[in-house]
Amino acid sequence: MLFTDEDFVNIVPQDLLERGINLREKLGFYEIAWKFDDVMEVLKITRDKGMIILGGDVYRLSGNEPIITYDGWSTNRGVNNAFEVAIQYITNYRAKNGDDFIYYPAIGPGRVPK
């Protein structure tokens, strides 16, 4: 089970939540995407809380409107370095494409086995 936009209310601080772009209203997806610095903070918070990440999606921002890029990443549920994979993908994507993008991390409950 992946978290929806409403689940993040109980996961990240309110100010970080407010800086996210809710994709439900814009695209019909029950997701929140964040700009680079904020998604890095979301990844850190969720990793520290023992959650898992299965991948994510990238959206281009045109003004404040998200546009589907069809870019994204995925990991296997049991991969211990899934957060590092996400951080590396997002960092590389930004370096190659610039700052006009937001990132949705597909996060769910549960700790990856060690």
PDB file of N, CA and C in Angstrom:
ATOM      1  N   MET A   1       0.842  -1.182   0.000  1.00  0.00           N
ATOM      2  CA  MET A   1       0.000   0.000   0.000  1.00  0.00           C
ATOM      3  C   MET A   1       0.886   1.243   0.000  1.00  0.00           C
ATOM      4  N   LEU A   2       0.644   2.136  -0.923  1.00  0.00           N
ATOM      5  CA  LEU A   2       1.386   3.388  -0.981  1.00  0.00           C
ATOM      6  C   LEU A   2       0.584   4.488  -0.312  1.00  0.00           C
ATOM      7  N   PHE A   3       1.294   5.453   0.227  1.00  0.00           N
ATOM      8  CA  PHE A   3       0.631   6.599   0.833  1.00  0.00           C
ATOM      9  C   PHE A   3       0.012   7.479  -0.237  1.00  0.00           C
ATOM     10  N   THR A   4      -1.153   8.028   0.072  1.00  0.00           N
ATOM     11  CA  THR A   4      -1.792   8.997  -0.801  1.00  0.00           C
ATOM     12  C   THR A   4      -1.475  10.397  -0.289  1.00  0.00           C
ATOM     13  N   ASP A   5      -1.965  11.397  -1.008  1.00  0.00           N
ATOM     14  CA  ASP A   5      -1.731  12.779  -0.591  1.00  0.00           C
ATOM     15  C   ASP A   5      -2.218  13.027   0.832  1.00  0.00           C
ATOM     16  N   GLU A   6      -3.337  12.435   1.220  1.00  0.00           N
ATOM     17  CA  GLU A   6      -3.889  12.663   2.562  1.00  0.00           C
ATOM     18  C   GLU A   6      -3.042  12.027   3.654  1.00  0.00           C
ATOM     19  N   ASP A   7      -2.345  10.939   3.355  1.00  0.00           N
ATOM     20  CA  ASP A   7      -1.499  10.275   4.351  1.00  0.00           C
ATOM     21  C   ASP A   7      -0.315  11.131   4.763  1.00  0.00           C
ATOM     22  N   PHE A   8       0.184  11.962   3.852  1.00  0.00           N
ATOM     23  CA  PHE A   8       1.363  12.764   4.159  1.00  0.00           C
ATOM     24  C   PHE A   8       1.103  13.805   5.247  1.00  0.00           C
ATOM     25  N   VAL A   9      -0.157  14.091   5.529  1.00  0.00           N
ATOM     26  CA  VAL A   9      -0.511  15.022   6.610  1.00  0.00           C
ATOM     27  C   VAL A   9       0.065  14.534   7.928  1.00  0.00           C
ATOM     28  N   ASN A  10       0.106  13.230   8.115  1.00  0.00           N
ATOM     29  CA  ASN A  10       0.599  12.647   9.367  1.00  0.00           C
ATOM     30  C   ASN A  10       2.072  12.274   9.309  1.00  0.00           C
ATOM     31  N   ILE A  11       2.736  12.590   8.219  1.00  0.00           N
ATOM     32  CA  ILE A  11       4.119  12.152   8.045  1.00  0.00           C
ATOM     33  C   ILE A  11       5.106  13.314   8.033  1.00  0.00           C
ATOM     34  N   VAL A  12       4.801  14.364   7.294  1.00  0.00           N
ATOM     35  CA  VAL A  12       5.739  15.479   7.152  1.00  0.00           C
ATOM     36  C   VAL A  12       5.183  16.720   7.853  1.00  0.00           C
ATOM     37  N   PRO A  13       6.063  17.634   8.254  1.00  0.00           N
ATOM     38  CA  PRO A  13       5.602  18.867   8.902  1.00  0.00           C
ATOM     39  C   PRO A  13       4.693  19.689   7.981  1.00  0.00           C
ATOM     40  N   GLN A  14       3.836  20.463   8.578  1.00  0.00           N
ATOM     41  CA  GLN A  14       2.837  21.243   7.849  1.00  0.00           C
ATOM     42  C   GLN A  14       3.465  22.185   6.818  1.00  0.00           C
ATOM     43  N   ASP A  15       4.563  22.851   7.182  1.00  0.00           N
ATOM     44  CA  ASP A  15       5.174  23.787   6.236  1.00  0.00           C
ATOM     45  C   ASP A  15       5.708  23.062   5.000  1.00  0.00           C
ATOM     46  N   LEU A  16       6.243  21.874   5.182  1.00  0.00           N
ATOM     47  CA  LEU A  16       6.715  21.078   4.051  1.00  0.00           C
ATOM     48  C   LEU A  16       5.539  20.578   3.215  1.00  0.00           C
ATOM     49  N   LEU A  17       4.490  20.206   3.870  1.00  0.00           N
ATOM     50  CA  LEU A  17       3.276  19.769   3.184  1.00  0.00           C
ATOM     51  C   LEU A  17       2.710  20.893   2.319  1.00  0.00           C
ATOM     52  N   GLU A  18       2.695  22.103   2.850  1.00  0.00           N
ATOM     53  CA  GLU A  18       2.151  23.248   2.119  1.00  0.00           C
ATOM     54  C   GLU A  18       2.996  23.636   0.907  1.00  0.00           C
ATOM     55  N   ARG A  19       4.282  23.328   0.934  1.00  0.00           N
ATOM     56  CA  ARG A  19       5.146  23.648  -0.209  1.00  0.00           C
ATOM     57  C   ARG A  19       5.015  22.617  -1.338  1.00  0.00           C
ATOM     58  N   GLY A  20       4.388  21.495  -1.048  1.00  0.00           N
ATOM     59  CA  GLY A  20       4.187  20.472  -2.062  1.00  0.00           C
ATOM     60  C   GLY A  20       3.088  20.868  -3.036  1.00  0.00           C
ATOM     61  N   ILE A  21       3.096  20.245  -4.194  1.00  0.00           N
ATOM     62  CA  ILE A  21       2.070  20.476  -5.212  1.00  0.00           C
ATOM     63  C   ILE A  21       1.133  19.267  -5.178  1.00  0.00           C
ATOM     64  N   ASN A  22      -0.116  19.509  -4.821  1.00  0.00           N
ATOM     65  CA  ASN A  22      -1.094  18.430  -4.760  1.00  0.00           C
ATOM     66  C   ASN A  22      -1.539  18.102  -6.184  1.00  0.00           C
ATOM     67  N   LEU A  23      -1.269  16.890  -6.599  1.00  0.00           N
ATOM     68  CA  LEU A  23      -1.560  16.485  -7.972  1.00  0.00           C
ATOM     69  C   LEU A  23      -3.004  16.035  -8.159  1.00  0.00           C
ATOM     70  N   ARG A  24      -3.750  15.892  -7.083  1.00  0.00           N
ATOM     71  CA  ARG A  24      -5.150  15.474  -7.178  1.00  0.00           C
ATOM     72  C   ARG A  24      -5.964  16.505  -7.943  1.00  0.00           C
ATOM     73  N   GLU A  25      -5.799  17.764  -7.581  1.00  0.00           N
ATOM     74  CA  GLU A  25      -6.582  18.827  -8.218  1.00  0.00           C
ATOM     75  C   GLU A  25      -6.136  19.079  -9.652  1.00  0.00           C
ATOM     76  N   LYS A  26      -4.840  18.947  -9.916  1.00  0.00           N
ATOM     77  CA  LYS A  26      -4.290  19.281 -11.225  1.00  0.00           C
ATOM     78  C   LYS A  26      -4.383  18.132 -12.229  1.00  0.00           C
ATOM     79  N   LEU A  27      -4.087  16.899 -11.753  1.00  0.00           N
ATOM     80  CA  LEU A  27      -3.988  15.764 -12.672  1.00  0.00           C
ATOM     81  C   LEU A  27      -4.878  14.576 -12.302  1.00  0.00           C
ATOM     82  N   GLY A  28      -5.509  14.640 -11.138  1.00  0.00           N
ATOM     83  CA  GLY A  28      -6.355  13.537 -10.703  1.00  0.00           C
ATOM     84  C   GLY A  28      -5.607  12.416  -9.994  1.00  0.00           C
ATOM     85  N   PHE A  29      -4.327  12.625  -9.674  1.00  0.00           N
ATOM     86  CA  PHE A  29      -3.539  11.632  -8.953  1.00  0.00           C
ATOM     87  C   PHE A  29      -3.567  11.971  -7.470  1.00  0.00           C
ATOM     88  N   TYR A  30      -3.716  10.981  -6.630  1.00  0.00           N
ATOM     89  CA  TYR A  30      -3.747  11.192  -5.186  1.00  0.00           C
ATOM     90  C   TYR A  30      -2.315  11.226  -4.653  1.00  0.00           C
ATOM     91  N   GLU A  31      -1.557  12.185  -5.125  1.00  0.00           N
ATOM     92  CA  GLU A  31      -0.138  12.304  -4.826  1.00  0.00           C
ATOM     93  C   GLU A  31       0.225  13.754  -4.548  1.00  0.00           C
ATOM     94  N   ILE A  32       1.364  13.909  -3.880  1.00  0.00           N
ATOM     95  CA  ILE A  32       1.960  15.228  -3.686  1.00  0.00           C
ATOM     96  C   ILE A  32       3.380  15.147  -4.235  1.00  0.00           C
ATOM     97  N   ALA A  33       3.785  16.154  -4.984  1.00  0.00           N
ATOM     98  CA  ALA A  33       5.147  16.228  -5.509  1.00  0.00           C
ATOM     99  C   ALA A  33       5.813  17.491  -4.977  1.00  0.00           C
ATOM    100  N   TRP A  34       7.125  17.423  -4.834  1.00  0.00           N
ATOM    101  CA  TRP A  34       7.870  18.534  -4.265  1.00  0.00           C
ATOM    102  C   TRP A  34       9.036  18.909  -5.164  1.00  0.00           C
ATOM    103  N   LYS A  35       9.467  20.163  -5.036  1.00  0.00           N
ATOM    104  CA  LYS A  35      10.688  20.620  -5.685  1.00  0.00           C
ATOM    105  C   LYS A  35      11.878  19.922  -5.024  1.00  0.00           C
ATOM    106  N   PHE A  36      13.040  20.076  -5.625  1.00  0.00           N
ATOM    107  CA  PHE A  36      14.228  19.314  -5.239  1.00  0.00           C
ATOM    108  C   PHE A  36      14.528  19.336  -3.740  1.00  0.00           C
ATOM    109  N   ASP A  37      14.753  20.515  -3.167  1.00  0.00           N
ATOM    110  CA  ASP A  37      15.150  20.590  -1.756  1.00  0.00           C
ATOM    111  C   ASP A  37      14.091  19.970  -0.847  1.00  0.00           C
ATOM    112  N   ASP A  38      12.833  20.207  -1.159  1.00  0.00           N
ATOM    113  CA  ASP A  38      11.759  19.684  -0.321  1.00  0.00           C
ATOM    114  C   ASP A  38      11.603  18.178  -0.453  1.00  0.00           C
ATOM    115  N   VAL A  39      11.742  17.634  -1.661  1.00  0.00           N
ATOM    116  CA  VAL A  39      11.610  16.179  -1.799  1.00  0.00           C
ATOM    117  C   VAL A  39      12.771  15.486  -1.083  1.00  0.00           C
ATOM    118  N   MET A  40      13.945  16.120  -1.054  1.00  0.00           N
ATOM    119  CA  MET A  40      15.061  15.538  -0.309  1.00  0.00           C
ATOM    120  C   MET A  40      14.729  15.470   1.180  1.00  0.00           C
ATOM    121  N   GLU A  41      14.068  16.489   1.675  1.00  0.00           N
ATOM    122  CA  GLU A  41      13.648  16.498   3.080  1.00  0.00           C
ATOM    123  C   GLU A  41      12.581  15.425   3.328  1.00  0.00           C
ATOM    124  N   VAL A  42      11.635  15.286   2.419  1.00  0.00           N
ATOM    125  CA  VAL A  42      10.605  14.253   2.540  1.00  0.00           C
ATOM    126  C   VAL A  42      11.254  12.870   2.570  1.00  0.00           C
ATOM    127  N   LEU A  43      12.217  12.646   1.695  1.00  0.00           N
ATOM    128  CA  LEU A  43      12.905  11.352   1.675  1.00  0.00           C
ATOM    129  C   LEU A  43      13.631  11.083   2.989  1.00  0.00           C
ATOM    130  N   LYS A  44      14.284  12.100   3.535  1.00  0.00           N
ATOM    131  CA  LYS A  44      14.992  11.933   4.801  1.00  0.00           C
ATOM    132  C   LYS A  44      14.017  11.609   5.930  1.00  0.00           C
ATOM    133  N   ILE A  45      12.927  12.345   6.000  1.00  0.00           N
ATOM    134  CA  ILE A  45      11.936  12.128   7.067  1.00  0.00           C
ATOM    135  C   ILE A  45      11.350  10.723   6.988  1.00  0.00           C
ATOM    136  N   THR A  46      10.948  10.327   5.802  1.00  0.00           N
ATOM    137  CA  THR A  46      10.306   9.021   5.668  1.00  0.00           C
ATOM    138  C   THR A  46      11.299   7.880   5.895  1.00  0.00           C
ATOM    139  N   ARG A  47      12.541   8.056   5.443  1.00  0.00           N
ATOM    140  CA  ARG A  47      13.567   7.042   5.711  1.00  0.00           C
ATOM    141  C   ARG A  47      13.794   6.914   7.213  1.00  0.00           C
ATOM    142  N   ASP A  48      13.900   8.051   7.906  1.00  0.00           N
ATOM    143  CA  ASP A  48      14.136   8.033   9.348  1.00  0.00           C
ATOM    144  C   ASP A  48      12.967   7.422  10.122  1.00  0.00           C
ATOM    145  N   LYS A  49      11.777   7.457   9.540  1.00  0.00           N
ATOM    146  CA  LYS A  49      10.599   6.862  10.181  1.00  0.00           C
ATOM    147  C   LYS A  49      10.416   5.390   9.820  1.00  0.00           C
ATOM    148  N   GLY A  50      11.365   4.839   9.067  1.00  0.00           N
ATOM    149  CA  GLY A  50      11.326   3.423   8.748  1.00  0.00           C
ATOM    150  C   GLY A  50      10.364   3.043   7.648  1.00  0.00           C
ATOM    151  N   MET A  51      10.039   3.974   6.797  1.00  0.00           N
ATOM    152  CA  MET A  51       9.119   3.700   5.692  1.00  0.00           C
ATOM    153  C   MET A  51       9.905   3.147   4.504  1.00  0.00           C
ATOM    154  N   ILE A  52       9.191   2.682   3.485  1.00  0.00           N
ATOM    155  CA  ILE A  52       9.836   2.146   2.299  1.00  0.00           C
ATOM    156  C   ILE A  52       9.519   3.026   1.099  1.00  0.00           C
ATOM    157  N   ILE A  53      10.392   2.994   0.121  1.00  0.00           N
ATOM    158  CA  ILE A  53      10.151   3.715  -1.126  1.00  0.00           C
ATOM    159  C   ILE A  53      10.242   2.714  -2.275  1.00  0.00           C
ATOM    160  N   LEU A  54       9.271   2.786  -3.151  1.00  0.00           N
ATOM    161  CA  LEU A  54       9.205   1.861  -4.271  1.00  0.00           C
ATOM    162  C   LEU A  54       9.550   2.519  -5.598  1.00  0.00           C
ATOM    163  N   GLY A  55       9.695   3.829  -5.596  1.00  0.00           N
ATOM    164  CA  GLY A  55      10.010   4.552  -6.819  1.00  0.00           C
ATOM    165  C   GLY A  55       9.429   5.937  -6.768  1.00  0.00           C
ATOM    166  N   GLY A  56       9.167   6.495  -7.950  1.00  0.00           N
ATOM    167  CA  GLY A  56       8.585   7.824  -7.989  1.00  0.00           C
ATOM    168  C   GLY A  56       8.461   8.329  -9.412  1.00  0.00           C
ATOM    169  N   ASP A  57       7.846   9.494  -9.519  1.00  0.00           N
ATOM    170  CA  ASP A  57       7.577  10.116 -10.808  1.00  0.00           C
ATOM    171  C   ASP A  57       8.105  11.542 -10.829  1.00  0.00           C
ATOM    172  N   VAL A  58       8.372  12.016 -12.040  1.00  0.00           N
ATOM    173  CA  VAL A  58       8.857  13.368 -12.255  1.00  0.00           C
ATOM    174  C   VAL A  58       7.817  14.129 -13.075  1.00  0.00           C
ATOM    175  N   TYR A  59       7.566  15.386 -12.683  1.00  0.00           N
ATOM    176  CA  TYR A  59       6.649  16.266 -13.400  1.00  0.00           C
ATOM    177  C   TYR A  59       7.374  17.566 -13.688  1.00  0.00           C
ATOM    178  N   ARG A  60       7.148  18.114 -14.867  1.00  0.00           N
ATOM    179  CA  ARG A  60       7.693  19.429 -15.208  1.00  0.00           C
ATOM    180  C   ARG A  60       6.696  20.483 -14.750  1.00  0.00           C
ATOM    181  N   LEU A  61       7.203  21.584 -14.234  1.00  0.00           N
ATOM    182  CA  LEU A  61       6.337  22.691 -13.834  1.00  0.00           C
ATOM    183  C   LEU A  61       6.319  23.743 -14.933  1.00  0.00           C
ATOM    184  N   SER A  62       5.117  24.110 -15.327  1.00  0.00           N
ATOM    185  CA  SER A  62       4.918  25.226 -16.239  1.00  0.00           C
ATOM    186  C   SER A  62       4.118  26.251 -15.447  1.00  0.00           C
ATOM    187  N   GLY A  63       4.813  27.262 -14.928  1.00  0.00           N
ATOM    188  CA  GLY A  63       4.190  28.137 -13.942  1.00  0.00           C
ATOM    189  C   GLY A  63       4.031  27.323 -12.674  1.00  0.00           C
ATOM    190  N   ASN A  64       2.800  27.115 -12.258  1.00  0.00           N
ATOM    191  CA  ASN A  64       2.531  26.258 -11.109  1.00  0.00           C
ATOM    192  C   ASN A  64       1.760  25.003 -11.533  1.00  0.00           C
ATOM    193  N   GLU A  65       1.728  24.752 -12.842  1.00  0.00           N
ATOM    194  CA  GLU A  65       0.986  23.610 -13.386  1.00  0.00           C
ATOM    195  C   GLU A  65       1.928  22.441 -13.661  1.00  0.00           C
ATOM    196  N   PRO A  66       1.661  21.278 -13.045  1.00  0.00           N
ATOM    197  CA  PRO A  66       2.497  20.105 -13.322  1.00  0.00           C
ATOM    198  C   PRO A  66       2.134  19.467 -14.657  1.00  0.00           C
ATOM    199  N   ILE A  67       3.153  19.039 -15.375  1.00  0.00           N
ATOM    200  CA  ILE A  67       2.972  18.374 -16.656  1.00  0.00           C
ATOM    201  C   ILE A  67       3.680  17.023 -16.584  1.00  0.00           C
ATOM    202  N   ILE A  68       2.996  15.976 -16.980  1.00  0.00           N
ATOM    203  CA  ILE A  68       3.557  14.627 -16.928  1.00  0.00           C
ATOM    204  C   ILE A  68       4.755  14.526 -17.866  1.00  0.00           C
ATOM    205  N   THR A  69       5.873  14.016 -17.342  1.00  0.00           N
ATOM    206  CA  THR A  69       7.069  13.825 -18.163  1.00  0.00           C
ATOM    207  C   THR A  69       7.230  12.368 -18.592  1.00  0.00           C
ATOM    208  N   TYR A  70       6.542  11.480 -17.927  1.00  0.00           N
ATOM    209  CA  TYR A  70       6.699  10.032 -18.115  1.00  0.00           C
ATOM    210  C   TYR A  70       8.074   9.545 -17.680  1.00  0.00           C
ATOM    211  N   ASP A  71       8.781  10.364 -16.908  1.00  0.00           N
ATOM    212  CA  ASP A  71      10.056   9.961 -16.330  1.00  0.00           C
ATOM    213  C   ASP A  71       9.810   9.510 -14.894  1.00  0.00           C
ATOM    214  N   GLY A  72      10.616   8.595 -14.431  1.00  0.00           N
ATOM    215  CA  GLY A  72      10.495   8.131 -13.059  1.00  0.00           C
ATOM    216  C   GLY A  72      11.489   7.021 -12.785  1.00  0.00           C
ATOM    217  N   TRP A  73      11.439   6.505 -11.576  1.00  0.00           N
ATOM    218  CA  TRP A  73      12.344   5.453 -11.158  1.00  0.00           C
ATOM    219  C   TRP A  73      11.553   4.435 -10.349  1.00  0.00           C
ATOM    220  N   SER A  74      12.123   3.248 -10.216  1.00  0.00           N
ATOM    221  CA  SER A  74      11.495   2.223  -9.389  1.00  0.00           C
ATOM    222  C   SER A  74      12.574   1.384  -8.729  1.00  0.00           C
ATOM    223  N   THR A  75      12.210   0.772  -7.611  1.00  0.00           N
ATOM    224  CA  THR A  75      13.099  -0.126  -6.890  1.00  0.00           C
ATOM    225  C   THR A  75      12.298  -1.352  -6.481  1.00  0.00           C
ATOM    226  N   ASN A  76      12.984  -2.393  -6.102  1.00  0.00           N
ATOM    227  CA  ASN A  76      12.321  -3.573  -5.571  1.00  0.00           C
ATOM    228  C   ASN A  76      12.022  -3.362  -4.101  1.00  0.00           C
ATOM    229  N   ARG A  77      10.925  -3.926  -3.633  1.00  0.00           N
ATOM    230  CA  ARG A  77      10.484  -3.740  -2.253  1.00  0.00           C
ATOM    231  C   ARG A  77      11.564  -4.098  -1.235  1.00  0.00           C
ATOM    232  N   GLY A  78      12.361  -5.091  -1.494  1.00  0.00           N
ATOM    233  CA  GLY A  78      13.350  -5.535  -0.515  1.00  0.00           C
ATOM    234  C   GLY A  78      14.702  -4.863  -0.620  1.00  0.00           C
ATOM    235  N   VAL A  79      14.837  -3.903  -1.493  1.00  0.00           N
ATOM    236  CA  VAL A  79      16.138  -3.263  -1.683  1.00  0.00           C
ATOM    237  C   VAL A  79      16.442  -2.335  -0.506  1.00  0.00           C
ATOM    238  N   ASN A  80      17.574  -2.590   0.145  1.00  0.00           N
ATOM    239  CA  ASN A  80      17.952  -1.791   1.308  1.00  0.00           C
ATOM    240  C   ASN A  80      18.363  -0.375   0.941  1.00  0.00           C
ATOM    241  N   ASN A  81      18.854  -0.170  -0.267  1.00  0.00           N
ATOM    242  CA  ASN A  81      19.347   1.155  -0.644  1.00  0.00           C
ATOM    243  C   ASN A  81      18.342   1.928  -1.495  1.00  0.00           C
ATOM    244  N   ALA A  82      17.060   1.632  -1.363  1.00  0.00           N
ATOM    245  CA  ALA A  82      16.037   2.263  -2.198  1.00  0.00           C
ATOM    246  C   ALA A  82      16.026   3.782  -2.043  1.00  0.00           C
ATOM    247  N   PHE A  83      16.249   4.284  -0.837  1.00  0.00           N
ATOM    248  CA  PHE A  83      16.267   5.730  -0.642  1.00  0.00           C
ATOM    249  C   PHE A  83      17.483   6.346  -1.338  1.00  0.00           C
ATOM    250  N   GLU A  84      18.606   5.655  -1.290  1.00  0.00           N
ATOM    251  CA  GLU A  84      19.791   6.153  -1.980  1.00  0.00           C
ATOM    252  C   GLU A  84      19.571   6.159  -3.496  1.00  0.00           C
ATOM    253  N   VAL A  85      18.881   5.140  -4.000  1.00  0.00           N
ATOM    254  CA  VAL A  85      18.543   5.089  -5.426  1.00  0.00           C
ATOM    255  C   VAL A  85      17.692   6.305  -5.792  1.00  0.00           C
ATOM    256  N   ALA A  86      16.690   6.614  -4.967  1.00  0.00           N
ATOM    257  CA  ALA A  86      15.816   7.766  -5.220  1.00  0.00           C
ATOM    258  C   ALA A  86      16.606   9.073  -5.184  1.00  0.00           C
ATOM    259  N   ILE A  87      17.434   9.233  -4.168  1.00  0.00           N
ATOM    260  CA  ILE A  87      18.225  10.457  -4.031  1.00  0.00           C
ATOM    261  C   ILE A  87      19.153  10.627  -5.235  1.00  0.00           C
ATOM    262  N   GLN A  88      19.795   9.548  -5.653  1.00  0.00           N
ATOM    263  CA  GLN A  88      20.707   9.607  -6.802  1.00  0.00           C
ATOM    264  C   GLN A  88      19.951   9.939  -8.086  1.00  0.00           C
ATOM    265  N   TYR A  89      18.782   9.292  -8.279  1.00  0.00           N
ATOM    266  CA  TYR A  89      18.000   9.551  -9.491  1.00  0.00           C
ATOM    267  C   TYR A  89      17.573  11.020  -9.553  1.00  0.00           C
ATOM    268  N   ILE A  90      17.025  11.513  -8.456  1.00  0.00           N
ATOM    269  CA  ILE A  90      16.524  12.891  -8.428  1.00  0.00           C
ATOM    270  C   ILE A  90      17.666  13.885  -8.595  1.00  0.00           C
ATOM    271  N   THR A  91      18.771  13.629  -7.928  1.00  0.00           N
ATOM    272  CA  THR A  91      19.937  14.514  -8.039  1.00  0.00           C
ATOM    273  C   THR A  91      20.455  14.555  -9.477  1.00  0.00           C
ATOM    274  N   ASN A  92      20.571  13.399 -10.098  1.00  0.00           N
ATOM    275  CA  ASN A  92      21.037  13.339 -11.487  1.00  0.00           C
ATOM    276  C   ASN A  92      20.039  13.993 -12.438  1.00  0.00           C
ATOM    277  N   TYR A  93      18.754  13.779 -12.189  1.00  0.00           N
ATOM    278  CA  TYR A  93      17.726  14.362 -13.048  1.00  0.00           C
ATOM    279  C   TYR A  93      17.801  15.887 -13.008  1.00  0.00           C
ATOM    280  N   ARG A  94      17.931  16.409 -11.812  1.00  0.00           N
ATOM    281  CA  ARG A  94      18.036  17.871 -11.657  1.00  0.00           C
ATOM    282  C   ARG A  94      19.286  18.410 -12.338  1.00  0.00           C
ATOM    283  N   ALA A  95      20.428  17.730 -12.164  1.00  0.00           N
ATOM    284  CA  ALA A  95      21.680  18.176 -12.780  1.00  0.00           C
ATOM    285  C   ALA A  95      21.571  18.200 -14.303  1.00  0.00           C
ATOM    286  N   LYS A  96      20.863  17.243 -14.851  1.00  0.00           N
ATOM    287  CA  LYS A  96      20.739  17.141 -16.307  1.00  0.00           C
ATOM    288  C   LYS A  96      19.666  18.063 -16.875  1.00  0.00           C
ATOM    289  N   ASN A  97      18.565  18.285 -16.112  1.00  0.00           N
ATOM    290  CA  ASN A  97      17.390  18.965 -16.664  1.00  0.00           C
ATOM    291  C   ASN A  97      17.031  20.303 -16.031  1.00  0.00           C
ATOM    292  N   GLY A  98      17.632  20.646 -14.907  1.00  0.00           N
ATOM    293  CA  GLY A  98      17.347  21.937 -14.280  1.00  0.00           C
ATOM    294  C   GLY A  98      16.330  21.859 -13.150  1.00  0.00           C
ATOM    295  N   ASP A  99      15.867  23.037 -12.740  1.00  0.00           N
ATOM    296  CA  ASP A  99      15.037  23.163 -11.542  1.00  0.00           C
ATOM    297  C   ASP A  99      13.538  23.254 -11.798  1.00  0.00           C
ATOM    298  N   ASP A 100      13.087  23.152 -13.026  1.00  0.00           N
ATOM    299  CA  ASP A 100      11.660  23.312 -13.317  1.00  0.00           C
ATOM    300  C   ASP A 100      10.888  22.002 -13.209  1.00  0.00           C
ATOM    301  N   PHE A 101      11.258  21.183 -12.213  1.00  0.00           N
ATOM    302  CA  PHE A 101      10.633  19.876 -12.061  1.00  0.00           C
ATOM    303  C   PHE A 101      10.264  19.637 -10.608  1.00  0.00           C
ATOM    304  N   ILE A 102       9.249  18.795 -10.425  1.00  0.00           N
ATOM    305  CA  ILE A 102       8.855  18.339  -9.100  1.00  0.00           C
ATOM    306  C   ILE A 102       8.869  16.816  -9.113  1.00  0.00           C
ATOM    307  N   TYR A 103       8.983  16.240  -7.920  1.00  0.00           N
ATOM    308  CA  TYR A 103       9.187  14.805  -7.791  1.00  0.00           C
ATOM    309  C   TYR A 103       8.199  14.217  -6.787  1.00  0.00           C
ATOM    310  N   TYR A 104       7.549  13.139  -7.208  1.00  0.00           N
ATOM    311  CA  TYR A 104       6.647  12.409  -6.321  1.00  0.00           C
ATOM    312  C   TYR A 104       7.329  11.114  -5.893  1.00  0.00           C
ATOM    313  N   PRO A 105       7.639  10.968  -4.603  1.00  0.00           N
ATOM    314  CA  PRO A 105       8.196   9.706  -4.132  1.00  0.00           C
ATOM    315  C   PRO A 105       7.066   8.753  -3.733  1.00  0.00           C
ATOM    316  N   ALA A 106       7.080   7.540  -4.296  1.00  0.00           N
ATOM    317  CA  ALA A 106       6.074   6.516  -3.966  1.00  0.00           C
ATOM    318  C   ALA A 106       6.524   5.805  -2.687  1.00  0.00           C
ATOM    319  N   ILE A 107       5.921   6.229  -1.576  1.00  0.00           N
ATOM    320  CA  ILE A 107       6.355   5.780  -0.248  1.00  0.00           C
ATOM    321  C   ILE A 107       5.223   5.021   0.419  1.00  0.00           C
ATOM    322  N   GLY A 108       5.596   3.996   1.170  1.00  0.00           N
ATOM    323  CA  GLY A 108       4.615   3.213   1.907  1.00  0.00           C
ATOM    324  C   GLY A 108       5.120   2.878   3.306  1.00  0.00           C
ATOM    325  N   PRO A 109       4.261   2.314   4.123  1.00  0.00           N
ATOM    326  CA  PRO A 109       4.652   1.966   5.492  1.00  0.00           C
ATOM    327  C   PRO A 109       5.547   0.731   5.503  1.00  0.00           C
ATOM    328  N   GLY A 110       6.254   0.544   6.585  1.00  0.00           N
ATOM    329  CA  GLY A 110       7.045  -0.667   6.758  1.00  0.00           C
ATOM    330  C   GLY A 110       8.499  -0.479   6.525  1.00  0.00           C
ATOM    331  N   ARG A 111       9.284  -1.187   7.293  1.00  0.00           N
ATOM    332  CA  ARG A 111      10.735  -1.097   7.190  1.00  0.00           C
ATOM    333  C   ARG A 111      11.247  -2.174   6.251  1.00  0.00           C
ATOM    334  N   VAL A 112      12.228  -1.818   5.435  1.00  0.00           N
ATOM    335  CA  VAL A 112      12.884  -2.787   4.565  1.00  0.00           C
ATOM    336  C   VAL A 112      13.705  -3.717   5.447  1.00  0.00           C
ATOM    337  N   PRO A 113      13.596  -5.035   5.265  1.00  0.00           N
ATOM    338  CA  PRO A 113      14.382  -5.964   6.093  1.00  0.00           C
ATOM    339  C   PRO A 113      15.882  -5.751   5.904  1.00  0.00           C
ATOM    340  N   LYS A 114      16.628  -5.937   6.966  1.00  0.00           N
ATOM    341  CA  LYS A 114      18.087  -5.762   6.909  1.00  0.00           C
ATOM    342  C   LYS A 114      18.767  -7.095   6.802  1.00  0.00           C
TER     343      LYS A 114
END
